[in-house]
PDB file of N, CA and C in Angstrom:
ATOM      1  N   MET A   1      -2.205  21.961  -7.912  1.00  0.00           N
ATOM      2  CA  MET A   1      -2.780  20.535  -8.152  1.00  0.00           C
ATOM      3  C   MET A   1      -2.133  19.336  -7.657  1.00  0.00           C
ATOM      4  N   THR A   2      -2.420  18.354  -6.421  1.00  0.00           N
ATOM      5  CA  THR A   2      -1.928  17.692  -6.278  1.00  0.00           C
ATOM      6  C   THR A   2      -2.820  16.312  -6.760  1.00  0.00           C
ATOM      7  N   ASN A   3      -1.746  15.606  -7.307  1.00  0.00           N
ATOM      8  CA  ASN A   3      -2.076  14.010  -8.063  1.00  0.00           C
ATOM      9  C   ASN A   3      -2.383  12.816  -7.336  1.00  0.00           C
ATOM     10  N   LEU A   4      -3.464  12.916  -6.455  1.00  0.00           N
ATOM     11  CA  LEU A   4      -4.204  11.806  -5.871  1.00  0.00           C
ATOM     12  C   LEU A   4      -4.407  10.376  -7.095  1.00  0.00           C
ATOM     13  N   ILE A   5      -3.589   9.789  -6.069  1.00  0.00           N
ATOM     14  CA  ILE A   5      -3.328   8.519  -6.656  1.00  0.00           C
ATOM     15  C   ILE A   5      -4.382   7.060  -6.001  1.00  0.00           C
ATOM     16  N   THR A   6      -5.248   6.305  -6.639  1.00  0.00           N
ATOM     17  CA  THR A   6      -6.164   5.198  -5.544  1.00  0.00           C
ATOM     18  C   THR A   6      -5.314   3.904  -6.117  1.00  0.00           C
ATOM     19  N   THR A   7      -4.560   3.131  -4.833  1.00  0.00           N
ATOM     20  CA  THR A   7      -3.534   2.417  -4.967  1.00  0.00           C
ATOM     21  C   THR A   7      -4.349   1.035  -4.284  1.00  0.00           C
ATOM     22  N   ASP A   8      -3.863   0.031  -4.894  1.00  0.00           N
ATOM     23  CA  ASP A   8      -4.239  -1.144  -4.306  1.00  0.00           C
ATOM     24  C   ASP A   8      -2.545  -1.835  -3.131  1.00  0.00           C
ATOM     25  N   VAL A   9      -2.660  -2.323  -2.401  1.00  0.00           N
ATOM     26  CA  VAL A   9      -1.278  -2.416  -1.889  1.00  0.00           C
ATOM     27  C   VAL A   9      -1.495  -3.719  -1.344  1.00  0.00           C
ATOM     28  N   LEU A  10      -0.904  -5.405  -1.752  1.00  0.00           N
ATOM     29  CA  LEU A  10      -0.375  -6.252  -2.046  1.00  0.00           C
ATOM     30  C   LEU A  10       0.490  -7.021  -0.637  1.00  0.00           C
ATOM     31  N   PHE A  11       0.600  -7.553   0.494  1.00  0.00           N
ATOM     32  CA  PHE A  11       1.531  -7.914   1.267  1.00  0.00           C
ATOM     33  C   PHE A  11       1.157  -9.332   1.998  1.00  0.00           C
ATOM     34  N   ALA A  12       2.295 -10.118   0.972  1.00  0.00           N
ATOM     35  CA  ALA A  12       2.210 -11.448   0.887  1.00  0.00           C
ATOM     36  C   ALA A  12       2.907 -11.924   2.256  1.00  0.00           C
ATOM     37  N   ALA A  13       3.006 -12.853   2.470  1.00  0.00           N
ATOM     38  CA  ALA A  13       3.967 -14.001   3.302  1.00  0.00           C
ATOM     39  C   ALA A  13       3.617 -15.171   3.074  1.00  0.00           C
ATOM     40  N   ASP A  14       4.267 -16.372   3.484  1.00  0.00           N
ATOM     41  CA  ASP A  14       4.180 -17.838   3.064  1.00  0.00           C
ATOM     42  C   ASP A  14       2.634 -18.212   3.533  1.00  0.00           C
ATOM     43  N   HIS A  15       2.323 -17.557   4.390  1.00  0.00           N
ATOM     44  CA  HIS A  15       0.809 -18.103   4.933  1.00  0.00           C
ATOM     45  C   HIS A  15      -0.789 -16.997   5.342  1.00  0.00           C
ATOM     46  N   PHE A  16      -0.428 -15.838   4.581  1.00  0.00           N
ATOM     47  CA  PHE A  16      -1.517 -14.972   4.587  1.00  0.00           C
ATOM     48  C   PHE A  16      -1.146 -14.119   3.752  1.00  0.00           C
ATOM     49  N   ILE A  17      -2.301 -13.515   3.393  1.00  0.00           N
ATOM     50  CA  ILE A  17      -2.437 -12.383   2.156  1.00  0.00           C
ATOM     51  C   ILE A  17      -2.950 -11.386   2.869  1.00  0.00           C
ATOM     52  N   MET A  18      -2.194  -9.619   2.517  1.00  0.00           N
ATOM     53  CA  MET A  18      -3.060  -8.898   2.982  1.00  0.00           C
ATOM     54  C   MET A  18      -3.173  -7.941   2.088  1.00  0.00           C
ATOM     55  N   VAL A  19      -4.468  -6.893   1.468  1.00  0.00           N
ATOM     56  CA  VAL A  19      -4.441  -6.353   0.377  1.00  0.00           C
ATOM     57  C   VAL A  19      -5.105  -5.026   1.510  1.00  0.00           C
ATOM     58  N   THR A  20      -4.902  -3.460   0.553  1.00  0.00           N
ATOM     59  CA  THR A  20      -5.650  -2.669   1.362  1.00  0.00           C
ATOM     60  C   THR A  20      -5.660  -1.278   0.428  1.00  0.00           C
ATOM     61  N   THR A  21      -6.301  -0.450   0.262  1.00  0.00           N
ATOM     62  CA  THR A  21      -6.621   0.581  -1.152  1.00  0.00           C
ATOM     63  C   THR A  21      -6.607   1.513   0.068  1.00  0.00           C
ATOM     64  N   ILE A  22      -5.559   2.499  -1.113  1.00  0.00           N
ATOM     65  CA  ILE A  22      -5.498   3.653  -0.003  1.00  0.00           C
ATOM     66  C   ILE A  22      -5.433   4.436  -1.209  1.00  0.00           C
ATOM     67  N   GLU A  23      -5.695   6.379  -0.576  1.00  0.00           N
ATOM     68  CA  GLU A  23      -5.428   7.234  -1.749  1.00  0.00           C
ATOM     69  C   GLU A  23      -4.889   7.635  -1.487  1.00  0.00           C
ATOM     70  N   THR A  24      -3.364   8.749  -1.928  1.00  0.00           N
ATOM     71  CA  THR A  24      -2.390   9.166  -1.579  1.00  0.00           C
ATOM     72  C   THR A  24      -1.868  10.167  -2.302  1.00  0.00           C
ATOM     73  N   ILE A  25      -0.957  10.714  -2.538  1.00  0.00           N
ATOM     74  CA  ILE A  25      -0.097  11.633  -3.539  1.00  0.00           C
ATOM     75  C   ILE A  25       0.575  10.671  -4.262  1.00  0.00           C
ATOM     76  N   TYR A  26       0.260  10.873  -5.634  1.00  0.00           N
ATOM     77  CA  TYR A  26       1.878  10.196  -6.481  1.00  0.00           C
ATOM     78  C   TYR A  26       2.723  10.001  -5.994  1.00  0.00           C
ATOM     79  N   SER A  27       3.847   9.282  -5.486  1.00  0.00           N
ATOM     80  CA  SER A  27       5.450   9.073  -5.568  1.00  0.00           C
ATOM     81  C   SER A  27       5.797   8.069  -6.397  1.00  0.00           C
ATOM     82  N   PRO A  28       7.311   8.317  -7.009  1.00  0.00           N
ATOM     83  CA  PRO A  28       7.873   7.175  -7.765  1.00  0.00           C
ATOM     84  C   PRO A  28       8.717   6.295  -6.858  1.00  0.00           C
ATOM     85  N   ASP A  29       8.768   6.833  -5.260  1.00  0.00           N
ATOM     86  CA  ASP A  29       9.014   5.990  -4.627  1.00  0.00           C
ATOM     87  C   ASP A  29       7.907   4.858  -3.569  1.00  0.00           C
ATOM     88  N   HIS A  30       8.023   3.340  -4.219  1.00  0.00           N
ATOM     89  CA  HIS A  30       7.177   2.978  -3.678  1.00  0.00           C
ATOM     90  C   HIS A  30       7.066   2.729  -2.569  1.00  0.00           C
ATOM     91  N   ARG A  31       8.064   3.134  -1.752  1.00  0.00           N
ATOM     92  CA  ARG A  31       8.105   3.595  -0.091  1.00  0.00           C
ATOM     93  C   ARG A  31       7.668   4.062   0.425  1.00  0.00           C
ATOM     94  N   ASP A  32       7.381   4.917  -0.046  1.00  0.00           N
ATOM     95  CA  ASP A  32       6.418   5.807   0.515  1.00  0.00           C
ATOM     96  C   ASP A  32       4.836   5.039   0.557  1.00  0.00           C
ATOM     97  N   ILE A  33       4.721   4.857  -0.346  1.00  0.00           N
ATOM     98  CA  ILE A  33       3.120   4.070  -0.784  1.00  0.00           C
ATOM     99  C   ILE A  33       3.040   2.751  -0.012  1.00  0.00           C
ATOM    100  N   GLU A  34       3.916   2.116   0.177  1.00  0.00           N
ATOM    101  CA  GLU A  34       3.952   1.006   1.368  1.00  0.00           C
ATOM    102  C   GLU A  34       3.908   1.295   2.961  1.00  0.00           C
ATOM    103  N   ASN A  35       4.575   2.587   3.170  1.00  0.00           N
ATOM    104  CA  ASN A  35       4.193   2.945   4.679  1.00  0.00           C
ATOM    105  C   ASN A  35       2.781   3.486   4.453  1.00  0.00           C
ATOM    106  N   ALA A  36       2.248   4.330   3.189  1.00  0.00           N
ATOM    107  CA  ALA A  36       1.009   4.375   3.805  1.00  0.00           C
ATOM    108  C   ALA A  36       0.193   3.635   4.116  1.00  0.00           C
ATOM    109  N   ALA A  37       0.311   2.342   3.050  1.00  0.00           N
ATOM    110  CA  ALA A  37      -0.574   1.610   3.182  1.00  0.00           C
ATOM    111  C   ALA A  37      -0.425   0.591   4.761  1.00  0.00           C
ATOM    112  N   TRP A  38       1.022   0.876   5.749  1.00  0.00           N
ATOM    113  CA  TRP A  38       1.117  -0.016   6.519  1.00  0.00           C
ATOM    114  C   TRP A  38       0.714   1.134   7.955  1.00  0.00           C
ATOM    115  N   GLU A  39       0.338   2.735   7.270  1.00  0.00           N
ATOM    116  CA  GLU A  39       0.189   3.315   8.502  1.00  0.00           C
ATOM    117  C   GLU A  39      -1.764   2.972   8.576  1.00  0.00           C
ATOM    118  N   ARG A  40      -2.517   2.235   7.257  1.00  0.00           N
ATOM    119  CA  ARG A  40      -3.771   2.444   7.152  1.00  0.00           C
ATOM    120  C   ARG A  40      -4.028   1.155   7.834  1.00  0.00           C
ATOM    121  N   LEU A  41      -3.306   0.480   7.710  1.00  0.00           N
ATOM    122  CA  LEU A  41      -3.770  -1.354   8.252  1.00  0.00           C
ATOM    123  C   LEU A  41      -3.210  -0.818   9.805  1.00  0.00           C
ATOM    124  N   ALA A  42      -2.999   0.063   9.896  1.00  0.00           N
ATOM    125  CA  ALA A  42      -2.412   0.474  11.664  1.00  0.00           C
ATOM    126  C   ALA A  42      -3.764   0.966  12.941  1.00  0.00           C
ATOM    127  N   ASP A  43      -4.301   1.879  11.524  1.00  0.00           N
ATOM    128  CA  ASP A  43      -5.410   2.502  12.102  1.00  0.00           C
ATOM    129  C   ASP A  43      -6.369   1.302  12.018  1.00  0.00           C
ATOM    130  N   GLU A  44      -6.699   0.691  10.791  1.00  0.00           N
ATOM    131  CA  GLU A  44      -7.593  -0.699  11.255  1.00  0.00           C
ATOM    132  C   GLU A  44      -7.707  -1.497  12.001  1.00  0.00           C
ATOM    133  N   TYR A  45      -6.298  -2.123  12.550  1.00  0.00           N
ATOM    134  CA  TYR A  45      -5.468  -3.198  13.324  1.00  0.00           C
ATOM    135  C   TYR A  45      -5.227  -3.229  14.564  1.00  0.00           C
ATOM    136  N   GLY A  46      -4.837  -1.670  14.311  1.00  0.00           N
ATOM    137  CA  GLY A  46      -3.656  -1.401  15.660  1.00  0.00           C
ATOM    138  C   GLY A  46      -2.315  -1.762  15.186  1.00  0.00           C
ATOM    139  N   VAL A  47      -1.711  -0.923  16.132  1.00  0.00           N
ATOM    140  CA  VAL A  47      -0.126  -0.658  16.467  1.00  0.00           C
ATOM    141  C   VAL A  47       0.972  -2.181  16.110  1.00  0.00           C
ATOM    142  N   ASN A  48       0.184  -2.839  17.424  1.00  0.00           N
ATOM    143  CA  ASN A  48       0.740  -3.932  17.760  1.00  0.00           C
ATOM    144  C   ASN A  48       0.444  -5.015  16.555  1.00  0.00           C
ATOM    145  N   TRP A  49      -0.795  -5.172  15.922  1.00  0.00           N
ATOM    146  CA  TRP A  49      -1.286  -6.359  14.957  1.00  0.00           C
ATOM    147  C   TRP A  49      -0.093  -6.173  13.462  1.00  0.00           C
ATOM    148  N   VAL A  50       0.376  -4.641  13.571  1.00  0.00           N
ATOM    149  CA  VAL A  50       0.816  -4.193  12.460  1.00  0.00           C
ATOM    150  C   VAL A  50       2.592  -5.328  12.714  1.00  0.00           C
ATOM    151  N   ASN A  51       2.832  -4.563  13.791  1.00  0.00           N
ATOM    152  CA  ASN A  51       4.465  -4.584  14.577  1.00  0.00           C
ATOM    153  C   ASN A  51       4.547  -6.035  14.371  1.00  0.00           C
ATOM    154  N   MET A  52       3.295  -7.052  14.756  1.00  0.00           N
ATOM    155  CA  MET A  52       3.304  -8.821  14.768  1.00  0.00           C
ATOM    156  C   MET A  52       3.268  -9.144  13.374  1.00  0.00           C
ATOM    157  N   THR A  53       2.735  -8.252  12.433  1.00  0.00           N
ATOM    158  CA  THR A  53       2.596  -9.052  10.906  1.00  0.00           C
ATOM    159  C   THR A  53       3.849  -8.813  10.119  1.00  0.00           C
ATOM    160  N   LYS A  54       4.394  -7.602  10.202  1.00  0.00           N
ATOM    161  CA  LYS A  54       5.473  -6.618   9.216  1.00  0.00           C
ATOM    162  C   LYS A  54       6.604  -8.169   8.972  1.00  0.00           C
ATOM    163  N   PRO A  55       7.114  -8.387  10.176  1.00  0.00           N
ATOM    164  CA  PRO A  55       8.161  -9.149   9.941  1.00  0.00           C
ATOM    165  C   PRO A  55       7.954 -10.235   8.657  1.00  0.00           C
ATOM    166  N   PHE A  56       6.996 -10.881   8.757  1.00  0.00           N
ATOM    167  CA  PHE A  56       6.548 -11.300   7.395  1.00  0.00           C
ATOM    168  C   PHE A  56       6.548 -12.062   6.394  1.00  0.00           C
ATOM    169  N   VAL A  57       6.091 -10.379   5.791  1.00  0.00           N
ATOM    170  CA  VAL A  57       5.855  -9.785   4.937  1.00  0.00           C
ATOM    171  C   VAL A  57       7.373 -10.287   4.053  1.00  0.00           C
ATOM    172  N   ASN A  58       7.248 -10.405   2.823  1.00  0.00           N
ATOM    173  CA  ASN A  58       7.947 -11.429   2.172  1.00  0.00           C
ATOM    174  C   ASN A  58       7.948 -10.745   0.046  1.00  0.00           C
ATOM    175  N   LYS A  59       7.180  -9.905   0.741  1.00  0.00           N
ATOM    176  CA  LYS A  59       6.842  -9.631  -1.305  1.00  0.00           C
ATOM    177  C   LYS A  59       5.977  -7.984  -0.897  1.00  0.00           C
ATOM    178  N   VAL A  60       6.114  -7.238  -1.785  1.00  0.00           N
ATOM    179  CA  VAL A  60       4.897  -6.453  -1.877  1.00  0.00           C
ATOM    180  C   VAL A  60       4.419  -5.717  -3.058  1.00  0.00           C
ATOM    181  N   SER A  61       3.411  -5.858  -3.687  1.00  0.00           N
ATOM    182  CA  SER A  61       2.876  -5.566  -4.439  1.00  0.00           C
ATOM    183  C   SER A  61       2.144  -4.292  -4.781  1.00  0.00           C
ATOM    184  N   ILE A  62       1.978  -3.161  -5.615  1.00  0.00           N
ATOM    185  CA  ILE A  62       1.746  -2.013  -5.323  1.00  0.00           C
ATOM    186  C   ILE A  62       0.843  -1.667  -7.318  1.00  0.00           C
ATOM    187  N   GLU A  63      -0.109  -1.410  -7.379  1.00  0.00           N
ATOM    188  CA  GLU A  63      -0.792  -1.934  -8.169  1.00  0.00           C
ATOM    189  C   GLU A  63      -2.155  -0.600  -8.578  1.00  0.00           C
ATOM    190  N   VAL A  64      -1.854   0.762  -8.892  1.00  0.00           N
ATOM    191  CA  VAL A  64      -2.642   1.599  -9.055  1.00  0.00           C
ATOM    192  C   VAL A  64      -3.540   1.452  -9.921  1.00  0.00           C
ATOM    193  N   VAL A  65      -4.769   1.898  -9.501  1.00  0.00           N
ATOM    194  CA  VAL A  65      -6.156   1.410  -9.746  1.00  0.00           C
ATOM    195  C   VAL A  65      -6.498   2.131 -10.732  1.00  0.00           C
ATOM    196  N   PRO A  66      -7.573   0.832 -11.938  1.00  0.00           N
ATOM    197  CA  PRO A  66      -7.473   1.639 -13.239  1.00  0.00           C
ATOM    198  C   PRO A  66      -8.398   2.666 -12.984  1.00  0.00           C
ATOM    199  N   GLY A  67      -8.051   4.112 -13.438  1.00  0.00           N
ATOM    200  CA  GLY A  67      -9.239   5.131 -14.037  1.00  0.00           C
ATOM    201  C   GLY A  67      -9.166   5.863 -12.635  1.00  0.00           C
ATOM    202  N   THR A  68      -8.177   6.038 -12.517  1.00  0.00           N
ATOM    203  CA  THR A  68      -7.726   7.274 -11.166  1.00  0.00           C
ATOM    204  C   THR A  68      -6.504   8.148 -11.873  1.00  0.00           C
ATOM    205  N   SER A  69      -6.078   8.946 -11.357  1.00  0.00           N
ATOM    206  CA  SER A  69      -5.561  10.242 -11.868  1.00  0.00           C
ATOM    207  C   SER A  69      -3.877  10.234 -12.498  1.00  0.00           C
ATOM    208  N   ALA A  70      -3.317   9.157 -11.748  1.00  0.00           N
ATOM    209  CA  ALA A  70      -2.258   8.323 -12.150  1.00  0.00           C
ATOM    210  C   ALA A  70      -1.524   6.767 -13.378  1.00  0.00           C
ATOM    211  N   ASP A  71      -3.292   6.568 -13.452  1.00  0.00           N
ATOM    212  CA  ASP A  71      -3.176   5.482 -14.253  1.00  0.00           C
ATOM    213  C   ASP A  71      -2.348   5.063 -15.465  1.00  0.00           C
ATOM    214  N   GLY A  72      -2.245   6.750 -15.872  1.00  0.00           N
ATOM    215  CA  GLY A  72      -0.882   6.398 -17.594  1.00  0.00           C
ATOM    216  C   GLY A  72       0.638   6.671 -16.543  1.00  0.00           C
ATOM    217  N   VAL A  73       1.087   6.824 -15.026  1.00  0.00           N
ATOM    218  CA  VAL A  73       1.733   7.118 -15.049  1.00  0.00           C
ATOM    219  C   VAL A  73       2.741   5.913 -14.891  1.00  0.00           C
ATOM    220  N   ASN A  74       3.380   6.114 -15.516  1.00  0.00           N
ATOM    221  CA  ASN A  74       4.803   5.115 -15.937  1.00  0.00           C
ATOM    222  C   ASN A  74       5.422   4.708 -14.483  1.00  0.00           C
ATOM    223  N   LYS A  75       5.255   3.136 -14.135  1.00  0.00           N
ATOM    224  CA  LYS A  75       6.021   2.806 -12.453  1.00  0.00           C
ATOM    225  C   LYS A  75       7.654   2.788 -12.824  1.00  0.00           C
TER     226      LYS A  75
END
């Protein structure tokens, strides 16, 4: 059984914040979740937009949405 989680990923830069919600398999490595979020943003806005935006991001926050299957997983 796969352990799918719904996760909000917030990307913050000096002058903007982006938030996306993804459903993915739980991984203790937050880079996997961050990369999945970037892929979703690329699907929505295009690869060029992501490549232009990504260098400005200086903080990434990952939060499991309450009530999902991994809600009790320790981060």
